[in-house]
N, C-alpha and C. Protein backbone atom coordinates (compact mmCIF):
# COMPACT_ATOMS: atom_id res chain seq x y z
N UNK A 1 106.98 46.56 33.82
CA UNK A 1 106.91 44.78 34.42
C UNK A 1 105.47 44.43 35.23
N UNK A 2 105.49 45.80 36.05
CA UNK A 2 104.31 46.13 36.70
C UNK A 2 102.86 46.19 35.52
N UNK A 3 102.87 46.92 35.20
CA UNK A 3 101.67 47.31 33.43
C UNK A 3 101.50 45.05 33.24
N UNK A 4 102.89 44.91 33.14
CA UNK A 4 102.39 43.41 32.41
C UNK A 4 101.66 42.38 33.40
N UNK A 5 102.04 42.57 34.50
CA UNK A 5 101.46 41.57 35.63
C UNK A 5 100.23 42.02 35.91
N UNK A 6 99.79 43.60 35.93
CA UNK A 6 98.38 43.67 35.99
C UNK A 6 97.53 43.23 34.52
N UNK A 7 98.13 43.58 33.44
CA UNK A 7 97.36 43.03 32.14
C UNK A 7 97.12 41.54 32.09
N UNK A 8 97.76 40.76 33.15
CA UNK A 8 97.79 39.03 33.00
C UNK A 8 96.29 38.71 33.87
N UNK A 9 96.39 39.62 35.04
CA UNK A 9 95.68 39.65 35.43
C UNK A 9 94.28 39.92 34.88
N UNK A 10 94.24 41.09 34.67
CA UNK A 10 93.00 41.63 34.27
C UNK A 10 92.51 40.13 33.32
N UNK A 11 93.41 39.79 32.32
CA UNK A 11 92.68 38.76 31.61
C UNK A 11 92.19 37.52 32.15
N UNK A 12 93.42 37.19 33.31
CA UNK A 12 92.45 36.25 34.06
C UNK A 12 91.23 36.41 35.00
N UNK A 13 90.95 37.59 35.19
CA UNK A 13 89.56 37.79 35.75
C UNK A 13 88.45 37.82 35.29
N UNK A 14 88.72 39.00 34.14
CA UNK A 14 87.64 38.99 33.52
C UNK A 14 87.47 38.38 31.79
N UNK A 15 86.10 38.45 31.49
CA UNK A 15 86.33 38.71 30.35
C UNK A 15 87.49 39.63 29.46
N UNK A 16 88.77 39.35 28.69
CA UNK A 16 89.28 39.99 28.46
C UNK A 16 89.01 41.00 27.03
N UNK A 17 89.43 41.78 27.20
CA UNK A 17 89.36 42.96 25.96
C UNK A 17 90.73 43.19 25.96
N UNK A 18 91.96 42.93 24.53
CA UNK A 18 92.69 43.67 24.46
C UNK A 18 93.30 45.03 24.96
N UNK A 19 92.05 46.02 24.80
CA UNK A 19 92.52 47.58 24.72
C UNK A 19 92.64 48.08 26.09
N UNK A 20 92.58 47.04 27.20
CA UNK A 20 92.83 47.27 28.43
C UNK A 20 94.09 48.32 28.99
N UNK A 21 95.13 47.53 27.98
CA UNK A 21 96.54 48.47 28.66
C UNK A 21 96.83 48.68 26.98
N UNK A 22 96.42 48.79 26.36
CA UNK A 22 96.74 49.38 24.41
C UNK A 22 97.82 50.53 24.43
N UNK A 23 97.39 51.03 25.33
CA UNK A 23 98.44 52.95 25.26
C UNK A 23 100.01 52.03 24.66
N UNK A 24 100.75 51.38 26.06
CA UNK A 24 101.87 51.63 26.33
C UNK A 24 102.45 50.11 25.36
N UNK A 25 101.75 49.28 24.61
CA UNK A 25 102.24 47.73 23.67
C UNK A 25 101.68 48.07 22.54
N UNK A 26 102.64 47.26 21.95
CA UNK A 26 102.32 47.19 20.40
C UNK A 26 101.14 46.35 19.98
N UNK A 27 100.73 46.31 19.29
CA UNK A 27 99.48 45.72 18.59
C UNK A 27 100.09 44.19 18.68
N UNK A 28 100.88 43.85 17.96
CA UNK A 28 101.44 42.39 18.14
C UNK A 28 101.40 41.63 19.38
N UNK A 29 102.18 42.55 20.35
CA UNK A 29 102.36 42.07 21.61
C UNK A 29 100.57 41.86 22.37
N UNK A 30 100.34 42.89 22.26
CA UNK A 30 98.61 42.47 22.95
C UNK A 30 98.27 41.01 22.20
N UNK A 31 97.57 41.12 20.96
CA UNK A 31 97.32 39.81 20.42
C UNK A 31 98.22 38.92 20.73
N UNK A 32 99.29 38.78 20.78
CA UNK A 32 99.98 37.09 21.58
C UNK A 32 99.33 36.87 22.77
N UNK A 33 99.40 38.29 23.88
CA UNK A 33 98.70 38.18 25.18
C UNK A 33 97.62 37.80 25.43
N UNK A 34 96.47 38.37 24.32
CA UNK A 34 95.23 37.73 24.35
C UNK A 34 95.36 36.48 23.55
N UNK A 35 95.65 35.86 23.55
CA UNK A 35 96.15 34.49 22.60
C UNK A 35 96.33 33.30 23.97
N UNK A 36 97.70 34.12 24.07
CA UNK A 36 98.35 33.14 25.16
C UNK A 36 97.12 32.64 26.34
N UNK A 37 97.58 31.49 26.30
CA UNK A 37 96.57 30.72 27.55
C UNK A 37 97.68 30.08 28.47
N UNK A 38 97.21 30.46 30.07
CA UNK A 38 98.37 30.02 31.24
C UNK A 38 98.39 28.78 30.97
N UNK A 39 99.32 27.69 31.61
CA UNK A 39 99.21 26.63 30.95
C UNK A 39 98.03 25.65 32.17
N UNK A 40 97.79 26.40 33.34
CA UNK A 40 97.11 25.85 34.03
C UNK A 40 95.54 26.09 33.29
N UNK A 41 95.30 27.06 32.60
CA UNK A 41 94.30 27.56 31.61
C UNK A 41 93.62 26.12 30.13
N UNK A 42 95.09 25.84 29.88
CA UNK A 42 94.81 24.76 29.22
C UNK A 42 94.49 23.44 29.51
N UNK A 43 95.63 23.05 31.00
CA UNK A 43 94.96 21.88 31.50
C UNK A 43 93.34 21.77 32.24
N UNK A 44 92.94 22.96 32.44
CA UNK A 44 91.83 22.57 33.13
C UNK A 44 90.37 22.54 31.51
N UNK A 45 90.98 23.54 30.39
CA UNK A 45 90.19 23.22 29.36
C UNK A 45 90.47 21.96 29.30
N UNK A 46 91.66 20.74 28.92
CA UNK A 46 91.67 19.89 28.81
C UNK A 46 90.91 18.34 29.27
N UNK A 47 90.90 18.99 31.00
CA UNK A 47 90.17 17.81 31.34
C UNK A 47 88.63 18.38 31.16
N UNK A 48 88.26 19.73 30.85
CA UNK A 48 86.78 19.90 30.78
C UNK A 48 86.04 18.91 29.50
N UNK A 49 87.24 19.20 28.42
CA UNK A 49 87.12 18.04 27.11
C UNK A 49 87.07 16.74 27.91
N UNK A 50 87.91 15.95 28.49
CA UNK A 50 88.03 14.77 28.90
C UNK A 50 86.39 13.90 29.57
N UNK A 51 86.27 15.45 30.44
CA UNK A 51 85.43 14.85 31.07
C UNK A 51 83.68 15.15 30.09
N UNK A 52 83.50 16.09 29.37
CA UNK A 52 82.50 15.97 28.49
C UNK A 52 82.10 14.69 27.69
N UNK A 53 83.95 14.39 27.07
CA UNK A 53 83.97 13.23 26.30
C UNK A 53 83.31 11.89 27.20
N UNK A 54 83.74 11.99 28.73
CA UNK A 54 83.55 10.91 29.38
C UNK A 54 82.36 10.54 29.16
N UNK A 55 81.37 11.96 29.70
CA UNK A 55 79.79 12.04 29.92
C UNK A 55 79.18 11.56 28.73
N UNK A 56 79.56 11.71 27.31
CA UNK A 56 79.25 11.32 26.60
C UNK A 56 79.16 10.10 26.14
N UNK A 57 80.09 9.72 26.39
CA UNK A 57 80.77 7.78 26.65
C UNK A 57 79.76 7.13 27.14
N UNK A 58 79.77 7.18 28.35
CA UNK A 58 78.89 7.01 29.44
C UNK A 58 77.36 7.21 29.07
N UNK A 59 76.94 8.24 28.68
CA UNK A 59 75.09 8.63 27.97
C UNK A 59 75.28 7.49 26.99
N UNK A 60 76.26 7.30 26.13
CA UNK A 60 75.87 6.67 25.23
C UNK A 60 75.96 5.14 25.76
N UNK A 61 76.78 4.66 26.51
CA UNK A 61 76.52 3.45 26.98
C UNK A 61 75.44 2.88 27.53
N UNK A 62 75.15 3.31 28.55
CA UNK A 62 73.38 4.02 29.02
C UNK A 62 72.38 3.61 28.10
N UNK A 63 72.44 4.23 27.14
CA UNK A 63 71.41 4.26 25.58
C UNK A 63 71.96 2.70 25.02
N UNK A 64 72.95 2.08 25.32
CA UNK A 64 73.07 0.72 24.77
C UNK A 64 72.78 -0.02 25.38
N UNK A 65 73.03 0.08 26.87
CA UNK A 65 72.40 -1.09 27.78
C UNK A 65 70.95 -1.17 28.19
N UNK A 66 70.33 -0.04 27.58
CA UNK A 66 68.92 -0.21 27.51
C UNK A 66 68.23 -0.55 26.10
N UNK A 67 68.92 -0.60 25.20
CA UNK A 67 68.62 -0.65 24.16
C UNK A 67 68.82 -2.26 23.92
N UNK A 68 70.06 -3.18 24.26
CA UNK A 68 70.18 -4.52 24.95
C UNK A 68 69.07 -5.51 25.55
N UNK A 69 69.36 -4.07 26.75
CA UNK A 69 68.11 -5.14 27.85
C UNK A 69 66.61 -5.16 26.48
N UNK A 70 65.86 -4.55 25.67
CA UNK A 70 64.75 -4.39 24.95
C UNK A 70 65.06 -5.46 24.41
N UNK A 71 66.05 -5.70 23.43
CA UNK A 71 66.35 -6.52 22.77
C UNK A 71 65.97 -7.91 23.60
N UNK A 72 66.63 -8.23 24.78
CA UNK A 72 66.74 -9.29 25.64
C UNK A 72 65.73 -9.90 25.86
N UNK A 73 64.43 -8.63 26.15
CA UNK A 73 62.89 -8.72 26.57
C UNK A 73 61.95 -9.13 25.07
N UNK A 74 62.34 -8.65 24.13
CA UNK A 74 61.46 -8.85 22.54
C UNK A 74 62.22 -10.39 22.43
N UNK A 75 63.65 -10.75 22.61
CA UNK A 75 63.77 -12.48 22.29
C UNK A 75 62.90 -13.30 23.39
N UNK A 76 62.68 -12.78 24.98
CA UNK A 76 62.07 -13.50 25.39
C UNK A 76 60.43 -13.52 25.23
N UNK A 77 60.58 -12.78 24.82
CA UNK A 77 58.74 -12.75 24.23
C UNK A 77 58.87 -13.72 23.14
N UNK A 78 59.59 -13.38 22.36
CA UNK A 78 59.68 -14.17 21.27
C UNK A 78 59.94 -15.86 21.39
N UNK A 79 60.76 -16.09 22.53
CA UNK A 79 60.76 -17.33 22.83
C UNK A 79 59.76 -18.02 23.53
N UNK A 80 58.82 -17.38 24.42
CA UNK A 80 57.81 -17.69 25.09
C UNK A 80 57.05 -18.35 24.09
N UNK A 81 56.69 -17.16 22.98
CA UNK A 81 55.47 -17.23 21.93
C UNK A 81 55.71 -18.52 20.94
N UNK A 82 57.06 -18.96 20.72
CA UNK A 82 57.47 -20.02 19.73
C UNK A 82 56.52 -20.81 20.48
N UNK A 83 57.19 -21.22 21.93
CA UNK A 83 56.98 -22.54 22.61
C UNK A 83 55.54 -22.52 22.64
N UNK A 84 54.53 -21.09 22.69
CA UNK A 84 53.35 -21.54 23.16
C UNK A 84 52.48 -22.16 21.52
N UNK A 85 53.29 -21.57 20.53
CA UNK A 85 52.85 -22.43 19.06
C UNK A 85 53.72 -23.86 18.81
N UNK A 86 54.34 -24.19 19.36
CA UNK A 86 54.57 -24.89 19.21
C UNK A 86 53.75 -26.46 20.13
N UNK A 87 53.27 -26.17 21.42
CA UNK A 87 52.67 -27.13 22.19
C UNK A 87 51.14 -26.46 21.35
N UNK A 88 50.61 -25.86 20.38
CA UNK A 88 49.39 -25.60 19.42
C UNK A 88 49.66 -26.97 18.58
N UNK A 89 50.79 -26.47 18.17
CA UNK A 89 50.86 -27.49 17.08
C UNK A 89 51.05 -28.76 17.19
N UNK A 90 51.89 -29.11 18.66
CA UNK A 90 51.38 -30.62 19.42
C UNK A 90 50.27 -31.00 19.55
N UNK A 91 49.64 -30.21 20.09
CA UNK A 91 48.05 -30.45 20.24
C UNK A 91 47.31 -30.71 18.84
N UNK A 92 47.53 -30.15 17.76
CA UNK A 92 46.44 -29.97 16.87
C UNK A 92 46.87 -32.21 16.08
N UNK A 93 48.80 -32.19 16.53
CA UNK A 93 48.86 -33.11 15.71
C UNK A 93 48.02 -34.27 16.63
N UNK A 94 47.92 -34.15 17.72
CA UNK A 94 47.17 -35.21 18.38
C UNK A 94 46.09 -35.32 18.10
N UNK A 95 45.38 -34.07 17.79
CA UNK A 95 43.70 -34.51 17.68
C UNK A 95 43.63 -34.90 16.49
N UNK A 96 44.20 -34.84 15.24
CA UNK A 96 44.58 -35.35 14.02
C UNK A 96 44.66 -37.03 14.17
């Protein structure tokens, strides 16, 4: 039991290599222990994935907001240009 506890301590504190206590344990048991993740590690990994997804979503949202602002500026420029052209057309009609 003590070797098993040391085994898990070894796995959690370093980049685990299953050969740590290989002489006393069967290969299948070593493989299962190496692949098994404590629940806390799984939760941390899940939280990291959620945070990464949230970060990517915020980045995408900021990018889309920037594009929307650019489109709104372009729209305002075009509306101003149309008004200027309308005035020019009105001036030309008066002259004729």
